[in-house]
PDB file of all heavy atoms in Angstrom:
ATOM      1  N   THR A   1     -88.612-121.277 -82.239  1.00  0.00           N
ATOM      2  CA  THR A   1     -88.839-121.594 -80.808  1.00  0.00           C
ATOM      3  C   THR A   1     -88.660-120.421 -79.888  1.00  0.00           C
ATOM      4  O   THR A   1     -88.193-119.342 -80.324  1.00  0.00           O
ATOM      5  CB  THR A   1     -87.710-122.702 -80.456  1.00  0.00           C
ATOM      6  OG1 THR A   1     -86.515-121.991 -80.383  1.00  0.00           O
ATOM      7  CG2 THR A   1     -87.506-123.830 -81.451  1.00  0.00           C
ATOM      8  N   LEU A   2     -89.143-120.560 -78.598  1.00  0.00           N
ATOM      9  CA  LEU A   2     -88.966-119.661 -77.673  1.00  0.00           C
ATOM     10  C   LEU A   2     -87.581-119.174 -77.532  1.00  0.00           C
ATOM     11  O   LEU A   2     -87.232-118.048 -77.243  1.00  0.00           O
ATOM     12  CB  LEU A   2     -89.601-120.087 -76.367  1.00  0.00           C
ATOM     13  CG  LEU A   2     -91.081-119.845 -76.158  1.00  0.00           C
ATOM     14  CD1 LEU A   2     -91.516-120.325 -74.649  1.00  0.00           C
ATOM     15  CD2 LEU A   2     -91.504-118.357 -76.250  1.00  0.00           C
ATOM     16  N   MET A   3     -86.637-120.272 -77.689  1.00  0.00           N
ATOM     17  CA  MET A   3     -85.278-119.866 -77.549  1.00  0.00           C
ATOM     18  C   MET A   3     -84.801-118.944 -78.598  1.00  0.00           C
ATOM     19  O   MET A   3     -83.871-117.970 -78.352  1.00  0.00           O
ATOM     20  CB  MET A   3     -84.408-121.128 -77.597  1.00  0.00           C
ATOM     21  CG  MET A   3     -82.967-121.050 -77.045  1.00  0.00           C
ATOM     22  SD  MET A   3     -82.851-120.631 -75.352  1.00  0.00           S
ATOM     23  CE  MET A   3     -83.143-122.112 -74.613  1.00  0.00           C
ATOM     24  N   HIS A   4     -85.191-119.144 -79.820  1.00  0.00           N
ATOM     25  CA  HIS A   4     -84.944-118.177 -80.934  1.00  0.00           C
ATOM     26  C   HIS A   4     -85.293-116.759 -80.580  1.00  0.00           C
ATOM     27  O   HIS A   4     -84.548-115.840 -80.788  1.00  0.00           O
ATOM     28  CB  HIS A   4     -85.476-118.592 -82.232  1.00  0.00           C
ATOM     29  CG  HIS A   4     -84.899-119.757 -82.959  1.00  0.00           C
ATOM     30  ND1 HIS A   4     -85.338-121.029 -82.793  1.00  0.00           N
ATOM     31  CD2 HIS A   4     -83.967-119.710 -83.874  1.00  0.00           C
ATOM     32  CE1 HIS A   4     -84.642-121.832 -83.555  1.00  0.00           C
ATOM     33  NE2 HIS A   4     -83.730-121.030 -84.140  1.00  0.00           N
ATOM     34  N   PHE A   5     -86.511-116.641 -80.075  1.00  0.00           N
ATOM     35  CA  PHE A   5     -87.063-115.416 -79.624  1.00  0.00           C
ATOM     36  C   PHE A   5     -86.175-114.734 -78.627  1.00  0.00           C
ATOM     37  O   PHE A   5     -85.849-113.537 -78.750  1.00  0.00           O
ATOM     38  CB  PHE A   5     -88.506-115.451 -78.984  1.00  0.00           C
ATOM     39  CG  PHE A   5     -89.059-114.341 -78.244  1.00  0.00           C
ATOM     40  CD1 PHE A   5     -89.407-113.297 -78.943  1.00  0.00           C
ATOM     41  CD2 PHE A   5     -89.009-114.365 -76.899  1.00  0.00           C
ATOM     42  CE1 PHE A   5     -89.939-112.129 -78.333  1.00  0.00           C
ATOM     43  CE2 PHE A   5     -89.484-113.195 -76.176  1.00  0.00           C
ATOM     44  CZ  PHE A   5     -89.924-112.091 -76.936  1.00  0.00           C
ATOM     45  N   ALA A   6     -85.741-115.386 -77.517  1.00  0.00           N
ATOM     46  CA  ALA A   6     -85.086-114.856 -76.371  1.00  0.00           C
ATOM     47  C   ALA A   6     -83.622-114.423 -76.870  1.00  0.00           C
ATOM     48  O   ALA A   6     -83.072-113.344 -76.503  1.00  0.00           O
ATOM     49  CB  ALA A   6     -84.945-115.801 -75.296  1.00  0.00           C
ATOM     50  N   VAL A   7     -83.081-115.259 -77.714  1.00  0.00           N
ATOM     51  CA  VAL A   7     -81.749-114.903 -78.132  1.00  0.00           C
ATOM     52  C   VAL A   7     -81.725-113.817 -79.176  1.00  0.00           C
ATOM     53  O   VAL A   7     -80.868-112.930 -79.057  1.00  0.00           O
ATOM     54  CB  VAL A   7     -81.043-116.280 -78.892  1.00  0.00           C
ATOM     55  CG1 VAL A   7     -79.810-115.914 -79.479  1.00  0.00           C
ATOM     56  CG2 VAL A   7     -80.929-117.378 -77.764  1.00  0.00           C
ATOM     57  N   ARG A   8     -82.695-113.663 -80.027  1.00  0.00           N
ATOM     58  CA  ARG A   8     -82.857-112.785 -81.060  1.00  0.00           C
ATOM     59  C   ARG A   8     -82.722-111.381 -80.483  1.00  0.00           C
ATOM     60  O   ARG A   8     -82.275-110.404 -80.981  1.00  0.00           O
ATOM     61  CB  ARG A   8     -84.043-112.965 -81.931  1.00  0.00           C
ATOM     62  CG  ARG A   8     -84.108-112.062 -83.136  1.00  0.00           C
ATOM     63  CD  ARG A   8     -85.308-112.332 -84.000  1.00  0.00           C
ATOM     64  NE  ARG A   8     -85.139-113.522 -84.778  1.00  0.00           N
ATOM     65  CZ  ARG A   8     -85.970-114.644 -84.540  1.00  0.00           C
ATOM     66  NH1 ARG A   8     -86.717-114.724 -83.631  1.00  0.00           N
ATOM     67  NH2 ARG A   8     -85.686-115.761 -85.405  1.00  0.00           N
ATOM     68  N   LEU A   9     -83.524-111.259 -79.364  1.00  0.00           N
ATOM     69  CA  LEU A   9     -83.572-109.997 -78.604  1.00  0.00           C
ATOM     70  C   LEU A   9     -82.479-109.712 -77.650  1.00  0.00           C
ATOM     71  O   LEU A   9     -82.409-108.603 -77.067  1.00  0.00           O
ATOM     72  CB  LEU A   9     -84.955-109.802 -77.943  1.00  0.00           C
ATOM     73  CG  LEU A   9     -86.106-109.529 -78.747  1.00  0.00           C
ATOM     74  CD1 LEU A   9     -87.462-109.415 -77.968  1.00  0.00           C
ATOM     75  CD2 LEU A   9     -86.024-108.348 -79.631  1.00  0.00           C
ATOM     76  N   GLY A  10     -81.610-110.651 -77.400  1.00  0.00           N
ATOM     77  CA  GLY A  10     -80.564-110.600 -76.491  1.00  0.00           C
ATOM     78  C   GLY A  10     -81.008-110.663 -74.956  1.00  0.00           C
ATOM     79  O   GLY A  10     -80.299-109.954 -74.081  1.00  0.00           O
ATOM     80  N   LEU A  11     -82.107-111.434 -74.679  1.00  0.00           N
ATOM     81  CA  LEU A  11     -82.624-111.606 -73.378  1.00  0.00           C
ATOM     82  C   LEU A  11     -81.748-112.541 -72.675  1.00  0.00           C
ATOM     83  O   LEU A  11     -82.031-113.839 -72.599  1.00  0.00           O
ATOM     84  CB  LEU A  11     -84.041-111.930 -73.542  1.00  0.00           C
ATOM     85  CG  LEU A  11     -84.919-110.984 -74.289  1.00  0.00           C
ATOM     86  CD1 LEU A  11     -86.366-111.358 -74.265  1.00  0.00           C
ATOM     87  CD2 LEU A  11     -84.700-109.425 -73.853  1.00  0.00           C
ATOM     88  N   LEU A  12     -80.691-112.146 -71.898  1.00  0.00           N
ATOM     89  CA  LEU A  12     -79.799-113.154 -71.255  1.00  0.00           C
ATOM     90  C   LEU A  12     -80.413-113.821 -70.220  1.00  0.00           C
ATOM     91  O   LEU A  12     -80.308-115.200 -70.109  1.00  0.00           O
ATOM     92  CB  LEU A  12     -78.611-112.349 -70.810  1.00  0.00           C
ATOM     93  CG  LEU A  12     -77.428-113.148 -70.163  1.00  0.00           C
ATOM     94  CD1 LEU A  12     -76.810-113.874 -71.386  1.00  0.00           C
ATOM     95  CD2 LEU A  12     -76.458-112.178 -69.503  1.00  0.00           C
ATOM     96  N   ARG A  13     -81.178-113.187 -69.322  1.00  0.00           N
ATOM     97  CA  ARG A  13     -81.883-113.863 -68.199  1.00  0.00           C
ATOM     98  C   ARG A  13     -82.911-114.953 -68.592  1.00  0.00           C
ATOM     99  O   ARG A  13     -83.056-115.863 -68.008  1.00  0.00           O
ATOM    100  CB  ARG A  13     -82.478-112.902 -67.218  1.00  0.00           C
ATOM    101  CG  ARG A  13     -81.525-111.832 -66.664  1.00  0.00           C
ATOM    102  CD  ARG A  13     -82.250-110.812 -65.865  1.00  0.00           C
ATOM    103  NE  ARG A  13     -81.420-109.742 -65.295  1.00  0.00           N
ATOM    104  CZ  ARG A  13     -81.099-108.611 -65.972  1.00  0.00           C
ATOM    105  NH1 ARG A  13     -81.625-108.419 -67.141  1.00  0.00           N
ATOM    106  NH2 ARG A  13     -80.374-107.700 -65.386  1.00  0.00           N
ATOM    107  N   LEU A  14     -83.740-114.418 -69.679  1.00  0.00           N
ATOM    108  CA  LEU A  14     -84.771-115.242 -70.124  1.00  0.00           C
ATOM    109  C   LEU A  14     -84.118-116.569 -70.714  1.00  0.00           C
ATOM    110  O   LEU A  14     -84.710-117.585 -70.584  1.00  0.00           O
ATOM    111  CB  LEU A  14     -85.758-114.558 -71.034  1.00  0.00           C
ATOM    112  CG  LEU A  14     -86.943-115.282 -71.625  1.00  0.00           C
ATOM    113  CD1 LEU A  14     -87.756-115.836 -70.456  1.00  0.00           C
ATOM    114  CD2 LEU A  14     -87.741-114.487 -72.483  1.00  0.00           C
ATOM    115  N   THR A  15     -83.151-116.472 -71.499  1.00  0.00           N
ATOM    116  CA  THR A  15     -82.443-117.555 -72.149  1.00  0.00           C
ATOM    117  C   THR A  15     -81.972-118.512 -71.100  1.00  0.00           C
ATOM    118  O   THR A  15     -82.128-119.709 -71.188  1.00  0.00           O
ATOM    119  CB  THR A  15     -81.272-116.932 -72.961  1.00  0.00           C
ATOM    120  OG1 THR A  15     -81.676-116.087 -74.049  1.00  0.00           O
ATOM    121  CG2 THR A  15     -80.580-118.167 -73.561  1.00  0.00           C
ATOM    122  N   TRP A  16     -81.397-118.064 -70.001  1.00  0.00           N
ATOM    123  CA  TRP A  16     -80.877-118.825 -68.957  1.00  0.00           C
ATOM    124  C   TRP A  16     -82.082-119.714 -68.314  1.00  0.00           C
ATOM    125  O   TRP A  16     -81.998-120.911 -68.069  1.00  0.00           O
ATOM    126  CB  TRP A  16     -80.276-118.074 -67.929  1.00  0.00           C
ATOM    127  CG  TRP A  16     -79.805-118.897 -66.716  1.00  0.00           C
ATOM    128  CD1 TRP A  16     -80.551-118.886 -65.442  1.00  0.00           C
ATOM    129  CD2 TRP A  16     -78.754-119.806 -66.499  1.00  0.00           C
ATOM    130  NE1 TRP A  16     -79.827-119.784 -64.602  1.00  0.00           N
ATOM    131  CE2 TRP A  16     -78.740-120.196 -65.214  1.00  0.00           C
ATOM    132  CE3 TRP A  16     -77.713-120.212 -67.348  1.00  0.00           C
ATOM    133  CZ2 TRP A  16     -77.876-121.213 -64.651  1.00  0.00           C
ATOM    134  CZ3 TRP A  16     -76.755-121.108 -66.843  1.00  0.00           C
ATOM    135  CH2 TRP A  16     -76.938-121.556 -65.658  1.00  0.00           C
ATOM    136  N   PHE A  17     -83.083-118.908 -68.118  1.00  0.00           N
ATOM    137  CA  PHE A  17     -84.359-119.668 -67.487  1.00  0.00           C
ATOM    138  C   PHE A  17     -84.847-120.693 -68.501  1.00  0.00           C
ATOM    139  O   PHE A  17     -85.072-121.826 -68.037  1.00  0.00           O
ATOM    140  CB  PHE A  17     -85.462-118.614 -67.301  1.00  0.00           C
ATOM    141  CG  PHE A  17     -86.694-119.230 -66.907  1.00  0.00           C
ATOM    142  CD1 PHE A  17     -86.987-119.444 -65.570  1.00  0.00           C
ATOM    143  CD2 PHE A  17     -87.829-119.517 -67.833  1.00  0.00           C
ATOM    144  CE1 PHE A  17     -88.191-120.033 -65.198  1.00  0.00           C
ATOM    145  CE2 PHE A  17     -88.924-120.150 -67.391  1.00  0.00           C
ATOM    146  CZ  PHE A  17     -89.186-120.362 -66.034  1.00  0.00           C
ATOM    147  N   LEU A  18     -84.916-120.407 -69.762  1.00  0.00           N
ATOM    148  CA  LEU A  18     -85.420-121.479 -70.714  1.00  0.00           C
ATOM    149  C   LEU A  18     -84.484-122.562 -70.806  1.00  0.00           C
ATOM    150  O   LEU A  18     -84.945-123.827 -70.919  1.00  0.00           O
ATOM    151  CB  LEU A  18     -85.601-120.811 -72.045  1.00  0.00           C
ATOM    152  CG  LEU A  18     -86.702-119.697 -72.178  1.00  0.00           C
ATOM    153  CD1 LEU A  18     -86.714-119.192 -73.601  1.00  0.00           C
ATOM    154  CD2 LEU A  18     -88.168-120.236 -71.931  1.00  0.00           C
ATOM    155  N   LEU A  19     -83.296-122.293 -70.647  1.00  0.00           N
ATOM    156  CA  LEU A  19     -82.210-123.500 -70.816  1.00  0.00           C
ATOM    157  C   LEU A  19     -82.407-124.552 -69.577  1.00  0.00           C
ATOM    158  O   LEU A  19     -82.188-125.651 -69.648  1.00  0.00           O
ATOM    159  CB  LEU A  19     -80.740-122.949 -70.604  1.00  0.00           C
ATOM    160  CG  LEU A  19     -80.165-122.443 -71.872  1.00  0.00           C
ATOM    161  CD1 LEU A  19     -78.811-121.756 -71.510  1.00  0.00           C
ATOM    162  CD2 LEU A  19     -79.890-123.506 -72.864  1.00  0.00           C
ATOM    163  N   GLN A  20     -82.965-124.020 -68.421  1.00  0.00           N
ATOM    164  CA  GLN A  20     -83.282-124.925 -67.333  1.00  0.00           C
ATOM    165  C   GLN A  20     -84.530-125.787 -67.472  1.00  0.00           C
ATOM    166  O   GLN A  20     -84.795-126.580 -66.685  1.00  0.00           O
ATOM    167  CB  GLN A  20     -83.179-124.130 -66.015  1.00  0.00           C
ATOM    168  CG  GLN A  20     -82.234-123.098 -65.915  1.00  0.00           C
ATOM    169  CD  GLN A  20     -80.789-123.681 -66.077  1.00  0.00           C
ATOM    170  OE1 GLN A  20     -80.282-124.652 -65.604  1.00  0.00           O
ATOM    171  NE2 GLN A  20     -80.068-122.881 -66.896  1.00  0.00           N
ATOM    172  N   GLN A  21     -85.433-125.281 -68.431  1.00  0.00           N
ATOM    173  CA  GLN A  21     -86.717-125.943 -68.610  1.00  0.00           C
ATOM    174  C   GLN A  21     -86.580-127.184 -69.508  1.00  0.00           C
ATOM    175  O   GLN A  21     -85.719-127.239 -70.321  1.00  0.00           O
ATOM    176  CB  GLN A  21     -87.786-125.012 -69.101  1.00  0.00           C
ATOM    177  CG  GLN A  21     -87.786-123.653 -68.300  1.00  0.00           C
ATOM    178  CD  GLN A  21     -87.954-123.851 -66.714  1.00  0.00           C
ATOM    179  OE1 GLN A  21     -88.906-124.582 -66.321  1.00  0.00           O
ATOM    180  NE2 GLN A  21     -87.040-123.274 -65.944  1.00  0.00           N
ATOM    181  N   PRO A  22     -87.707-128.150 -69.538  1.00  0.00           N
ATOM    182  CA  PRO A  22     -87.700-129.218 -70.258  1.00  0.00           C
ATOM    183  C   PRO A  22     -87.708-128.660 -71.721  1.00  0.00           C
ATOM    184  O   PRO A  22     -88.418-127.795 -72.047  1.00  0.00           O
ATOM    185  CB  PRO A  22     -89.130-129.948 -69.955  1.00  0.00           C
ATOM    186  CG  PRO A  22     -89.300-129.564 -68.638  1.00  0.00           C
ATOM    187  CD  PRO A  22     -88.710-128.122 -68.423  1.00  0.00           C
ATOM    188  N   GLY A  23     -86.833-129.222 -72.607  1.00  0.00           N
ATOM    189  CA  GLY A  23     -86.754-128.898 -74.031  1.00  0.00           C
ATOM    190  C   GLY A  23     -85.820-127.800 -74.321  1.00  0.00           C
ATOM    191  O   GLY A  23     -85.579-127.393 -75.427  1.00  0.00           O
ATOM    192  N   GLY A  24     -85.318-127.096 -73.278  1.00  0.00           N
ATOM    193  CA  GLY A  24     -84.440-125.887 -73.408  1.00  0.00           C
ATOM    194  C   GLY A  24     -83.051-126.191 -74.092  1.00  0.00           C
ATOM    195  O   GLY A  24     -82.702-125.497 -75.009  1.00  0.00           O
ATOM    196  N   ARG A  25     -82.399-127.303 -73.720  1.00  0.00           N
ATOM    197  CA  ARG A  25     -81.265-127.809 -74.443  1.00  0.00           C
ATOM    198  C   ARG A  25     -81.522-128.226 -75.749  1.00  0.00           C
ATOM    199  O   ARG A  25     -80.680-127.871 -76.764  1.00  0.00           O
ATOM    200  CB  ARG A  25     -80.547-128.794 -73.607  1.00  0.00           C
ATOM    201  CG  ARG A  25     -79.911-128.298 -72.281  1.00  0.00           C
ATOM    202  CD  ARG A  25     -78.681-127.402 -72.503  1.00  0.00           C
ATOM    203  NE  ARG A  25     -78.339-126.744 -71.223  1.00  0.00           N
ATOM    204  CZ  ARG A  25     -77.326-125.941 -71.181  1.00  0.00           C
ATOM    205  NH1 ARG A  25     -76.579-125.590 -72.359  1.00  0.00           N
ATOM    206  NH2 ARG A  25     -76.861-125.255 -70.148  1.00  0.00           N
ATOM    207  N   GLY A  26     -82.637-128.999 -75.997  1.00  0.00           N
ATOM    208  CA  GLY A  26     -83.045-129.504 -77.300  1.00  0.00           C
ATOM    209  C   GLY A  26     -83.157-128.331 -78.232  1.00  0.00           C
ATOM    210  O   GLY A  26     -83.061-128.418 -79.527  1.00  0.00           O
TER     211      GLY A  26
END
């Protein structure tokens, strides 16, 4: 998932953004 991508690279801001979007928590 996009969340795997953001976390794998350590992208804190992008991870936070994705968490606020539909499907982010899922």
